[in-house]
Amino acid sequence: MAHIDLGLDEREHPGIRGLTRFRPETAGPLNALAEALLRAPHPTLSPGERELIAAYVSDLNDCGFCAASHGATAAAQLPAGESLVGQVRADPESAPVSGRLRALLRIAAAVQRGGREVTVELVDAARAAGATDLEVHDTVLIAAAFCMYNRYVDGLGAFTPDDPEAYRRSAGFLVRHGYLAG
């Protein structure tokens, strides 16, 4: 149960969905940011890769709702699906991802620890692995934003379902309609 009365059935509106219904004035900008970061056209990072970065950071932050939600959404958009998401969340260094994505995940983990943890060496290593400045920028912004989203969800004690199928259903909706559909 959330730390505040959201005035709704949290089981029908788990995680951030209940919180944004409670405060629609902030829902618009938060959802627009998620849409821009995770779904907007991007020249090189797929929506699945961007969702994977969000899931990975959420897992590092121990935010069960966001890790499961974005993990399921990444899995729905990546050819290797749930297996790959699980491998990345468990150990990105041995997960079967490109060197470019592995380097970006290292940057995301550094952001999760603190913005100043991102070093010239991490950025240079990402570039050497084929990452562009746009990919580095967007990885840092996704990681920073998900630290905020994770703290929002956990800071208000939002309801987190235990059933993985709930996240798969939500992922299907997000893949089809995006974050602005409500």
N, C-alpha and C. Protein backbone atom coordinates (compact mmCIF):
# COMPACT_ATOMS: atom_id res chain seq x y z
N MET A 1 0.84 -1.18 0.00
CA MET A 1 0.00 0.00 0.00
C MET A 1 0.89 1.25 0.00
N ALA A 2 0.53 2.21 -0.84
CA ALA A 2 1.31 3.44 -0.94
C ALA A 2 1.33 4.18 0.39
N HIS A 3 2.33 4.99 0.57
CA HIS A 3 2.47 5.77 1.79
C HIS A 3 1.43 6.87 1.91
N ILE A 4 0.78 7.22 0.79
CA ILE A 4 -0.27 8.23 0.79
C ILE A 4 -1.52 7.62 0.17
N ASP A 5 -2.67 8.20 0.44
CA ASP A 5 -3.93 7.72 -0.14
C ASP A 5 -4.04 8.26 -1.56
N LEU A 6 -3.92 7.36 -2.53
CA LEU A 6 -3.99 7.75 -3.94
C LEU A 6 -5.42 7.89 -4.44
N GLY A 7 -6.37 7.44 -3.64
CA GLY A 7 -7.76 7.55 -4.03
C GLY A 7 -8.16 6.63 -5.18
N LEU A 8 -7.48 5.49 -5.29
CA LEU A 8 -7.79 4.54 -6.35
C LEU A 8 -7.36 3.15 -5.92
N ASP A 9 -7.78 2.15 -6.70
CA ASP A 9 -7.37 0.78 -6.43
C ASP A 9 -5.96 0.59 -6.98
N GLU A 10 -4.99 0.50 -6.08
CA GLU A 10 -3.59 0.41 -6.49
C GLU A 10 -3.31 -0.86 -7.30
N ARG A 11 -4.08 -1.90 -7.08
CA ARG A 11 -3.86 -3.13 -7.83
C ARG A 11 -4.22 -2.95 -9.30
N GLU A 12 -5.13 -2.05 -9.59
CA GLU A 12 -5.49 -1.76 -10.98
C GLU A 12 -4.58 -0.71 -11.59
N HIS A 13 -3.87 0.04 -10.75
CA HIS A 13 -2.98 1.10 -11.21
C HIS A 13 -1.68 1.01 -10.42
N PRO A 14 -0.90 -0.04 -10.65
CA PRO A 14 0.32 -0.25 -9.86
C PRO A 14 1.44 0.72 -10.24
N GLY A 15 2.42 0.78 -9.36
CA GLY A 15 3.63 1.54 -9.64
C GLY A 15 3.38 2.98 -9.98
N ILE A 16 4.10 3.46 -10.97
CA ILE A 16 4.02 4.86 -11.35
C ILE A 16 2.65 5.23 -11.92
N ARG A 17 1.94 4.25 -12.44
CA ARG A 17 0.62 4.56 -13.03
C ARG A 17 -0.34 5.12 -11.99
N GLY A 18 -0.34 4.56 -10.80
CA GLY A 18 -1.20 5.09 -9.74
C GLY A 18 -0.75 6.47 -9.29
N LEU A 19 0.56 6.66 -9.21
CA LEU A 19 1.09 7.95 -8.78
C LEU A 19 0.77 9.05 -9.78
N THR A 20 0.85 8.74 -11.07
CA THR A 20 0.56 9.76 -12.07
C THR A 20 -0.95 10.05 -12.16
N ARG A 21 -1.77 9.08 -11.82
CA ARG A 21 -3.21 9.36 -11.77
C ARG A 21 -3.54 10.26 -10.57
N PHE A 22 -2.79 10.10 -9.51
CA PHE A 22 -2.98 10.95 -8.33
C PHE A 22 -2.62 12.40 -8.64
N ARG A 23 -1.61 12.60 -9.45
CA ARG A 23 -1.10 13.94 -9.73
C ARG A 23 -0.93 14.14 -11.23
N PRO A 24 -2.07 14.30 -11.95
CA PRO A 24 -2.01 14.39 -13.41
C PRO A 24 -1.20 15.58 -13.92
N GLU A 25 -1.06 16.63 -13.12
CA GLU A 25 -0.28 17.79 -13.55
C GLU A 25 1.18 17.43 -13.78
N THR A 26 1.69 16.47 -13.01
CA THR A 26 3.07 16.05 -13.21
C THR A 26 3.16 14.83 -14.13
N ALA A 27 2.05 14.15 -14.32
CA ALA A 27 2.05 12.97 -15.18
C ALA A 27 2.44 13.31 -16.61
N GLY A 28 1.92 14.41 -17.14
CA GLY A 28 2.20 14.79 -18.52
C GLY A 28 3.69 14.93 -18.80
N PRO A 29 4.39 15.77 -18.02
CA PRO A 29 5.83 15.90 -18.28
C PRO A 29 6.61 14.61 -18.02
N LEU A 30 6.25 13.86 -16.99
CA LEU A 30 6.97 12.60 -16.71
C LEU A 30 6.77 11.60 -17.84
N ASN A 31 5.54 11.47 -18.31
CA ASN A 31 5.25 10.53 -19.41
C ASN A 31 5.88 11.00 -20.72
N ALA A 32 5.89 12.31 -20.94
CA ALA A 32 6.51 12.84 -22.16
C ALA A 32 8.02 12.58 -22.15
N LEU A 33 8.64 12.71 -20.99
CA LEU A 33 10.07 12.42 -20.89
C LEU A 33 10.34 10.94 -21.19
N ALA A 34 9.54 10.06 -20.59
CA ALA A 34 9.71 8.62 -20.86
C ALA A 34 9.51 8.32 -22.33
N GLU A 35 8.53 8.92 -22.95
CA GLU A 35 8.27 8.71 -24.38
C GLU A 35 9.46 9.17 -25.21
N ALA A 36 9.98 10.35 -24.91
CA ALA A 36 11.12 10.88 -25.67
C ALA A 36 12.37 10.01 -25.49
N LEU A 37 12.62 9.58 -24.26
CA LEU A 37 13.83 8.81 -23.98
C LEU A 37 13.77 7.39 -24.52
N LEU A 38 12.60 6.77 -24.41
CA LEU A 38 12.52 5.33 -24.66
C LEU A 38 11.89 4.95 -26.00
N ARG A 39 11.10 5.85 -26.60
CA ARG A 39 10.36 5.44 -27.79
C ARG A 39 10.55 6.35 -29.01
N ALA A 40 10.98 7.57 -28.79
CA ALA A 40 11.11 8.50 -29.92
C ALA A 40 12.10 7.94 -30.94
N PRO A 41 11.96 8.33 -32.18
CA PRO A 41 12.93 7.86 -33.17
C PRO A 41 14.36 8.17 -32.73
N HIS A 42 15.22 7.21 -32.95
CA HIS A 42 16.62 7.35 -32.58
C HIS A 42 17.44 6.73 -33.71
N PRO A 43 18.52 7.39 -34.11
CA PRO A 43 19.26 6.86 -35.26
C PRO A 43 19.96 5.53 -35.00
N THR A 44 20.26 5.19 -33.74
CA THR A 44 21.04 3.98 -33.52
C THR A 44 20.60 3.12 -32.34
N LEU A 45 20.05 3.69 -31.30
CA LEU A 45 19.60 2.88 -30.15
C LEU A 45 18.14 2.49 -30.35
N SER A 46 17.89 1.20 -30.36
CA SER A 46 16.51 0.73 -30.55
C SER A 46 15.71 0.99 -29.28
N PRO A 47 14.38 1.03 -29.39
CA PRO A 47 13.56 1.14 -28.19
C PRO A 47 13.86 0.01 -27.19
N GLY A 48 14.09 -1.19 -27.67
CA GLY A 48 14.42 -2.30 -26.78
C GLY A 48 15.71 -2.07 -26.01
N GLU A 49 16.72 -1.53 -26.69
CA GLU A 49 17.99 -1.24 -26.00
C GLU A 49 17.81 -0.14 -24.97
N ARG A 50 17.03 0.87 -25.30
CA ARG A 50 16.79 1.96 -24.34
C ARG A 50 15.99 1.47 -23.14
N GLU A 51 15.00 0.61 -23.38
CA GLU A 51 14.25 0.01 -22.27
C GLU A 51 15.17 -0.86 -21.41
N LEU A 52 16.10 -1.55 -22.06
CA LEU A 52 17.04 -2.39 -21.33
C LEU A 52 17.92 -1.55 -20.40
N ILE A 53 18.37 -0.41 -20.86
CA ILE A 53 19.14 0.50 -20.00
C ILE A 53 18.29 0.93 -18.81
N ALA A 54 17.03 1.28 -19.06
CA ALA A 54 16.13 1.69 -17.98
C ALA A 54 15.92 0.54 -16.98
N ALA A 55 15.73 -0.66 -17.47
CA ALA A 55 15.54 -1.82 -16.59
C ALA A 55 16.78 -2.09 -15.77
N TYR A 56 17.94 -2.00 -16.40
CA TYR A 56 19.20 -2.26 -15.72
C TYR A 56 19.44 -1.26 -14.58
N VAL A 57 19.24 0.01 -14.86
CA VAL A 57 19.40 1.04 -13.83
C VAL A 57 18.38 0.83 -12.72
N SER A 58 17.15 0.51 -13.09
CA SER A 58 16.11 0.26 -12.08
C SER A 58 16.46 -0.92 -11.20
N ASP A 59 17.06 -1.94 -11.80
CA ASP A 59 17.51 -3.09 -11.02
C ASP A 59 18.63 -2.69 -10.07
N LEU A 60 19.58 -1.90 -10.55
CA LEU A 60 20.66 -1.42 -9.67
C LEU A 60 20.11 -0.60 -8.51
N ASN A 61 19.02 0.13 -8.76
CA ASN A 61 18.38 0.92 -7.71
C ASN A 61 17.42 0.09 -6.85
N ASP A 62 17.31 -1.19 -7.16
CA ASP A 62 16.43 -2.09 -6.42
C ASP A 62 14.97 -1.63 -6.45
N CYS A 63 14.57 -1.07 -7.59
CA CYS A 63 13.18 -0.65 -7.78
C CYS A 63 12.47 -1.78 -8.52
N GLY A 64 11.80 -2.64 -7.76
CA GLY A 64 11.18 -3.82 -8.33
C GLY A 64 10.18 -3.52 -9.42
N PHE A 65 9.33 -2.51 -9.21
CA PHE A 65 8.31 -2.20 -10.21
C PHE A 65 8.95 -1.78 -11.53
N CYS A 66 9.86 -0.81 -11.48
CA CYS A 66 10.45 -0.29 -12.71
C CYS A 66 11.35 -1.32 -13.40
N ALA A 67 12.09 -2.10 -12.60
CA ALA A 67 12.95 -3.14 -13.20
C ALA A 67 12.10 -4.16 -13.93
N ALA A 68 11.01 -4.59 -13.31
CA ALA A 68 10.13 -5.58 -13.95
C ALA A 68 9.38 -4.99 -15.14
N SER A 69 8.88 -3.79 -14.97
CA SER A 69 8.11 -3.15 -16.03
C SER A 69 8.96 -2.89 -17.27
N HIS A 70 10.11 -2.27 -17.08
CA HIS A 70 10.95 -1.94 -18.24
C HIS A 70 11.69 -3.16 -18.74
N GLY A 71 11.95 -4.12 -17.87
CA GLY A 71 12.51 -5.39 -18.32
C GLY A 71 11.56 -6.11 -19.26
N ALA A 72 10.28 -6.14 -18.90
CA ALA A 72 9.29 -6.79 -19.76
C ALA A 72 9.12 -6.03 -21.08
N THR A 73 9.19 -4.70 -21.01
CA THR A 73 9.04 -3.90 -22.23
C THR A 73 10.26 -4.07 -23.13
N ALA A 74 11.45 -4.17 -22.54
CA ALA A 74 12.65 -4.44 -23.33
C ALA A 74 12.54 -5.82 -23.97
N ALA A 75 12.14 -6.81 -23.18
CA ALA A 75 12.04 -8.18 -23.67
C ALA A 75 11.07 -8.29 -24.84
N ALA A 76 10.00 -7.52 -24.78
CA ALA A 76 9.00 -7.55 -25.86
C ALA A 76 9.54 -6.97 -27.16
N GLN A 77 10.66 -6.24 -27.09
CA GLN A 77 11.18 -5.57 -28.28
C GLN A 77 12.55 -6.07 -28.72
N LEU A 78 13.13 -6.98 -27.96
CA LEU A 78 14.45 -7.50 -28.30
C LEU A 78 14.33 -8.95 -28.77
N PRO A 79 15.05 -9.33 -29.82
CA PRO A 79 14.94 -10.70 -30.34
C PRO A 79 15.20 -11.79 -29.29
N ALA A 80 16.13 -11.58 -28.39
CA ALA A 80 16.44 -12.60 -27.38
C ALA A 80 15.53 -12.52 -26.16
N GLY A 81 14.64 -11.55 -26.11
CA GLY A 81 13.58 -11.46 -25.12
C GLY A 81 14.01 -11.50 -23.66
N GLU A 82 13.19 -12.21 -22.88
CA GLU A 82 13.38 -12.25 -21.43
C GLU A 82 14.72 -12.85 -21.02
N SER A 83 15.21 -13.79 -21.79
CA SER A 83 16.50 -14.40 -21.46
C SER A 83 17.61 -13.35 -21.45
N LEU A 84 17.65 -12.53 -22.48
CA LEU A 84 18.68 -11.50 -22.56
C LEU A 84 18.52 -10.48 -21.43
N VAL A 85 17.30 -10.05 -21.19
CA VAL A 85 17.07 -9.08 -20.12
C VAL A 85 17.55 -9.64 -18.79
N GLY A 86 17.24 -10.87 -18.51
CA GLY A 86 17.70 -11.50 -17.26
C GLY A 86 19.20 -11.58 -17.18
N GLN A 87 19.84 -11.90 -18.30
CA GLN A 87 21.31 -11.98 -18.31
C GLN A 87 21.95 -10.62 -18.08
N VAL A 88 21.40 -9.59 -18.70
CA VAL A 88 21.94 -8.24 -18.52
C VAL A 88 21.74 -7.78 -17.09
N ARG A 89 20.56 -8.00 -16.55
CA ARG A 89 20.30 -7.57 -15.18
C ARG A 89 21.19 -8.32 -14.19
N ALA A 90 21.51 -9.57 -14.48
CA ALA A 90 22.34 -10.37 -13.57
C ALA A 90 23.83 -10.03 -13.71
N ASP A 91 24.29 -9.86 -14.95
CA ASP A 91 25.72 -9.63 -15.16
C ASP A 91 25.95 -9.11 -16.58
N PRO A 92 25.91 -7.80 -16.77
CA PRO A 92 26.07 -7.26 -18.12
C PRO A 92 27.42 -7.57 -18.75
N GLU A 93 28.43 -7.85 -17.94
CA GLU A 93 29.76 -8.13 -18.48
C GLU A 93 29.80 -9.45 -19.23
N SER A 94 28.97 -10.41 -18.83
CA SER A 94 28.96 -11.70 -19.53
C SER A 94 27.73 -11.89 -20.41
N ALA A 95 26.82 -10.92 -20.41
CA ALA A 95 25.61 -11.04 -21.22
C ALA A 95 25.96 -10.94 -22.71
N PRO A 96 25.20 -11.64 -23.55
CA PRO A 96 25.49 -11.63 -24.99
C PRO A 96 24.97 -10.36 -25.68
N VAL A 97 25.61 -9.23 -25.36
CA VAL A 97 25.28 -7.96 -26.01
C VAL A 97 26.52 -7.44 -26.71
N SER A 98 26.33 -6.49 -27.58
CA SER A 98 27.47 -5.91 -28.31
C SER A 98 28.40 -5.18 -27.34
N GLY A 99 29.63 -5.02 -27.75
CA GLY A 99 30.57 -4.26 -26.95
C GLY A 99 30.12 -2.83 -26.75
N ARG A 100 29.46 -2.27 -27.76
CA ARG A 100 28.92 -0.91 -27.67
C ARG A 100 27.88 -0.83 -26.56
N LEU A 101 26.91 -1.76 -26.55
CA LEU A 101 25.87 -1.73 -25.53
C LEU A 101 26.46 -2.02 -24.15
N ARG A 102 27.40 -2.92 -24.07
CA ARG A 102 28.05 -3.22 -22.78
C ARG A 102 28.72 -1.97 -22.22
N ALA A 103 29.40 -1.21 -23.09
CA ALA A 103 30.06 0.02 -22.65
C ALA A 103 29.03 1.07 -22.21
N LEU A 104 27.90 1.13 -22.90
CA LEU A 104 26.85 2.06 -22.50
C LEU A 104 26.23 1.64 -21.16
N LEU A 105 26.09 0.35 -20.94
CA LEU A 105 25.58 -0.12 -19.65
C LEU A 105 26.55 0.22 -18.51
N ARG A 106 27.84 0.20 -18.79
CA ARG A 106 28.83 0.62 -17.78
C ARG A 106 28.62 2.09 -17.43
N ILE A 107 28.37 2.89 -18.45
CA ILE A 107 28.11 4.31 -18.21
C ILE A 107 26.82 4.48 -17.40
N ALA A 108 25.79 3.73 -17.75
CA ALA A 108 24.52 3.81 -17.01
C ALA A 108 24.73 3.44 -15.54
N ALA A 109 25.52 2.41 -15.29
CA ALA A 109 25.80 2.01 -13.91
C ALA A 109 26.56 3.10 -13.17
N ALA A 110 27.47 3.78 -13.86
CA ALA A 110 28.21 4.87 -13.23
C ALA A 110 27.25 6.01 -12.86
N VAL A 111 26.34 6.35 -13.76
CA VAL A 111 25.35 7.39 -13.46
C VAL A 111 24.53 7.00 -12.24
N GLN A 112 24.13 5.74 -12.17
CA GLN A 112 23.33 5.27 -11.03
C GLN A 112 24.07 5.49 -9.72
N ARG A 113 25.37 5.31 -9.72
CA ARG A 113 26.17 5.53 -8.50
C ARG A 113 26.31 7.01 -8.20
N GLY A 114 26.36 7.83 -9.24
CA GLY A 114 26.50 9.28 -9.10
C GLY A 114 27.02 9.86 -10.39
N GLY A 115 26.52 11.02 -10.77
CA GLY A 115 26.89 11.62 -12.05
C GLY A 115 28.38 11.76 -12.26
N ARG A 116 29.10 12.08 -11.21
CA ARG A 116 30.55 12.27 -11.35
C ARG A 116 31.31 10.96 -11.46
N GLU A 117 30.60 9.85 -11.36
CA GLU A 117 31.22 8.54 -11.57
C GLU A 117 31.47 8.27 -13.04
N VAL A 118 30.83 9.04 -13.91
CA VAL A 118 31.06 8.90 -15.35
C VAL A 118 32.39 9.58 -15.64
N THR A 119 33.33 8.81 -16.12
CA THR A 119 34.68 9.32 -16.35
C THR A 119 34.98 9.43 -17.84
N VAL A 120 36.02 10.18 -18.14
CA VAL A 120 36.51 10.27 -19.52
C VAL A 120 36.86 8.88 -20.02
N GLU A 121 37.42 8.05 -19.15
CA GLU A 121 37.81 6.69 -19.55
C GLU A 121 36.59 5.86 -19.96
N LEU A 122 35.49 5.98 -19.22
CA LEU A 122 34.27 5.25 -19.58
C LEU A 122 33.73 5.73 -20.94
N VAL A 123 33.73 7.04 -21.13
CA VAL A 123 33.23 7.60 -22.39
C VAL A 123 34.15 7.20 -23.54
N ASP A 124 35.46 7.29 -23.33
CA ASP A 124 36.41 6.89 -24.38
C ASP A 124 36.26 5.41 -24.72
N ALA A 125 36.05 4.58 -23.70
CA ALA A 125 35.85 3.14 -23.95
C ALA A 125 34.57 2.90 -24.74
N ALA A 126 33.53 3.67 -24.45
CA ALA A 126 32.28 3.53 -25.21
C ALA A 126 32.51 3.93 -26.67
N ARG A 127 33.20 5.02 -26.86
CA ARG A 127 33.50 5.46 -28.24
C ARG A 127 34.33 4.40 -28.96
N ALA A 128 35.31 3.85 -28.27
CA ALA A 128 36.15 2.81 -28.89
C ALA A 128 35.34 1.58 -29.26
N ALA A 129 34.25 1.35 -28.53
CA ALA A 129 33.37 0.21 -28.82
C ALA A 129 32.32 0.55 -29.88
N GLY A 130 32.38 1.78 -30.40
CA GLY A 130 31.47 2.16 -31.47
C GLY A 130 30.33 3.07 -31.07
N ALA A 131 30.26 3.50 -29.81
CA ALA A 131 29.17 4.37 -29.36
C ALA A 131 29.39 5.79 -29.88
N THR A 132 28.31 6.44 -30.21
CA THR A 132 28.36 7.84 -30.64
C THR A 132 28.14 8.76 -29.44
N ASP A 133 28.45 10.03 -29.63
CA ASP A 133 28.19 11.00 -28.56
C ASP A 133 26.70 11.07 -28.23
N LEU A 134 25.85 10.92 -29.24
CA LEU A 134 24.40 10.92 -29.00
C LEU A 134 24.01 9.73 -28.11
N GLU A 135 24.58 8.57 -28.36
CA GLU A 135 24.28 7.39 -27.54
C GLU A 135 24.77 7.58 -26.10
N VAL A 136 25.95 8.16 -25.94
CA VAL A 136 26.46 8.42 -24.60
C VAL A 136 25.53 9.41 -23.89
N HIS A 137 25.17 10.49 -24.57
CA HIS A 137 24.25 11.48 -24.00
C HIS A 137 22.95 10.83 -23.56
N ASP A 138 22.34 10.07 -24.47
CA ASP A 138 21.03 9.51 -24.18
C ASP A 138 21.11 8.44 -23.08
N THR A 139 22.21 7.70 -23.02
CA THR A 139 22.38 6.73 -21.94
C THR A 139 22.46 7.43 -20.60
N VAL A 140 23.23 8.49 -20.53
CA VAL A 140 23.34 9.25 -19.27
C VAL A 140 21.97 9.80 -18.88
N LEU A 141 21.24 10.34 -19.83
CA LEU A 141 19.93 10.92 -19.51
C LEU A 141 18.92 9.85 -19.11
N ILE A 142 18.91 8.71 -19.79
CA ILE A 142 18.02 7.61 -19.40
C ILE A 142 18.35 7.16 -17.99
N ALA A 143 19.62 6.95 -17.71
CA ALA A 143 20.02 6.49 -16.38
C ALA A 143 19.64 7.51 -15.30
N ALA A 144 19.90 8.78 -15.56
CA ALA A 144 19.57 9.82 -14.58
C ALA A 144 18.06 9.90 -14.37
N ALA A 145 17.31 9.87 -15.45
CA ALA A 145 15.85 9.94 -15.34
C ALA A 145 15.30 8.74 -14.58
N PHE A 146 15.86 7.57 -14.82
CA PHE A 146 15.34 6.40 -14.12
C PHE A 146 15.74 6.36 -12.66
N CYS A 147 16.81 7.01 -12.30
CA CYS A 147 17.07 7.17 -10.87
C CYS A 147 15.94 7.99 -10.25
N MET A 148 15.49 9.04 -10.94
CA MET A 148 14.36 9.84 -10.45
C MET A 148 13.07 9.03 -10.42
N TYR A 149 12.74 8.37 -11.53
CA TYR A 149 11.51 7.58 -11.57
C TYR A 149 11.52 6.51 -10.47
N ASN A 150 12.64 5.84 -10.29
CA ASN A 150 12.75 4.79 -9.27
C ASN A 150 12.51 5.37 -7.88
N ARG A 151 13.07 6.51 -7.59
CA ARG A 151 12.90 7.12 -6.28
C ARG A 151 11.47 7.61 -6.08
N TYR A 152 10.83 8.05 -7.14
CA TYR A 152 9.43 8.46 -7.08
C TYR A 152 8.55 7.27 -6.71
N VAL A 153 8.71 6.17 -7.42
CA VAL A 153 7.91 4.97 -7.19
C VAL A 153 8.16 4.40 -5.79
N ASP A 154 9.43 4.23 -5.44
CA ASP A 154 9.75 3.62 -4.15
C ASP A 154 9.57 4.60 -2.99
N GLY A 155 9.81 5.89 -3.24
CA GLY A 155 9.67 6.88 -2.18
C GLY A 155 8.24 7.04 -1.71
N LEU A 156 7.28 6.74 -2.58
CA LEU A 156 5.87 6.80 -2.17
C LEU A 156 5.30 5.41 -1.92
N GLY A 157 6.15 4.39 -1.96
CA GLY A 157 5.70 3.03 -1.63
C GLY A 157 4.64 2.51 -2.58
N ALA A 158 4.77 2.80 -3.87
CA ALA A 158 3.77 2.38 -4.85
C ALA A 158 3.65 0.85 -4.89
N PHE A 159 2.46 0.40 -5.16
CA PHE A 159 2.18 -1.04 -5.24
C PHE A 159 2.97 -1.68 -6.37
N THR A 160 3.62 -2.79 -6.07
CA THR A 160 4.40 -3.55 -7.04
C THR A 160 3.84 -4.96 -7.15
N PRO A 161 3.23 -5.30 -8.28
CA PRO A 161 2.69 -6.65 -8.45
C PRO A 161 3.78 -7.72 -8.42
N ASP A 162 3.42 -8.91 -7.99
CA ASP A 162 4.36 -10.03 -7.99
C ASP A 162 4.27 -10.86 -9.27
N ASP A 163 3.17 -10.75 -9.98
CA ASP A 163 2.90 -11.59 -11.14
C ASP A 163 3.61 -11.09 -12.40
N PRO A 164 4.58 -11.84 -12.94
CA PRO A 164 5.28 -11.40 -14.15
C PRO A 164 4.34 -11.16 -15.33
N GLU A 165 3.23 -11.87 -15.35
CA GLU A 165 2.28 -11.69 -16.47
C GLU A 165 1.70 -10.28 -16.49
N ALA A 166 1.54 -9.66 -15.33
CA ALA A 166 1.04 -8.28 -15.28
C ALA A 166 1.99 -7.35 -16.02
N TYR A 167 3.27 -7.59 -15.88
CA TYR A 167 4.27 -6.75 -16.56
C TYR A 167 4.29 -7.04 -18.05
N ARG A 168 4.10 -8.29 -18.43
CA ARG A 168 4.06 -8.63 -19.86
C ARG A 168 2.87 -7.94 -20.54
N ARG A 169 1.72 -7.95 -19.87
CA ARG A 169 0.53 -7.28 -20.43
C ARG A 169 0.79 -5.78 -20.58
N SER A 170 1.35 -5.19 -19.55
CA SER A 170 1.66 -3.76 -19.59
C SER A 170 2.67 -3.46 -20.70
N ALA A 171 3.66 -4.32 -20.85
CA ALA A 171 4.67 -4.14 -21.90
C ALA A 171 4.01 -4.16 -23.28
N GLY A 172 3.08 -5.08 -23.49
CA GLY A 172 2.38 -5.14 -24.77
C GLY A 172 1.66 -3.83 -25.07
N PHE A 173 1.03 -3.27 -24.05
CA PHE A 173 0.35 -1.98 -24.22
C PHE A 173 1.36 -0.88 -24.55
N LEU A 174 2.46 -0.83 -23.79
CA LEU A 174 3.46 0.22 -24.02
C LEU A 174 4.08 0.12 -25.41
N VAL A 175 4.38 -1.08 -25.84
CA VAL A 175 4.98 -1.26 -27.17
C VAL A 175 4.01 -0.77 -28.25
N ARG A 176 2.73 -1.05 -28.07
CA ARG A 176 1.73 -0.64 -29.07
C ARG A 176 1.38 0.85 -28.99
N HIS A 177 1.26 1.38 -27.77
CA HIS A 177 0.66 2.71 -27.61
C HIS A 177 1.59 3.76 -27.00
N GLY A 178 2.64 3.35 -26.33
CA GLY A 178 3.57 4.30 -25.77
C GLY A 178 3.18 4.83 -24.40
N TYR A 179 3.99 5.76 -23.94
CA TYR A 179 3.85 6.31 -22.59
C TYR A 179 2.86 7.46 -22.50
N LEU A 180 2.43 7.98 -23.62
CA LEU A 180 1.51 9.10 -23.60
C LEU A 180 0.06 8.66 -23.64
N ALA A 181 -0.18 7.37 -23.88
CA ALA A 181 -1.56 6.87 -24.02
C ALA A 181 -2.29 6.79 -22.68
N GLY A 182 -1.56 6.77 -21.59
CA GLY A 182 -2.21 6.79 -20.27
C GLY A 182 -2.69 5.48 -19.77
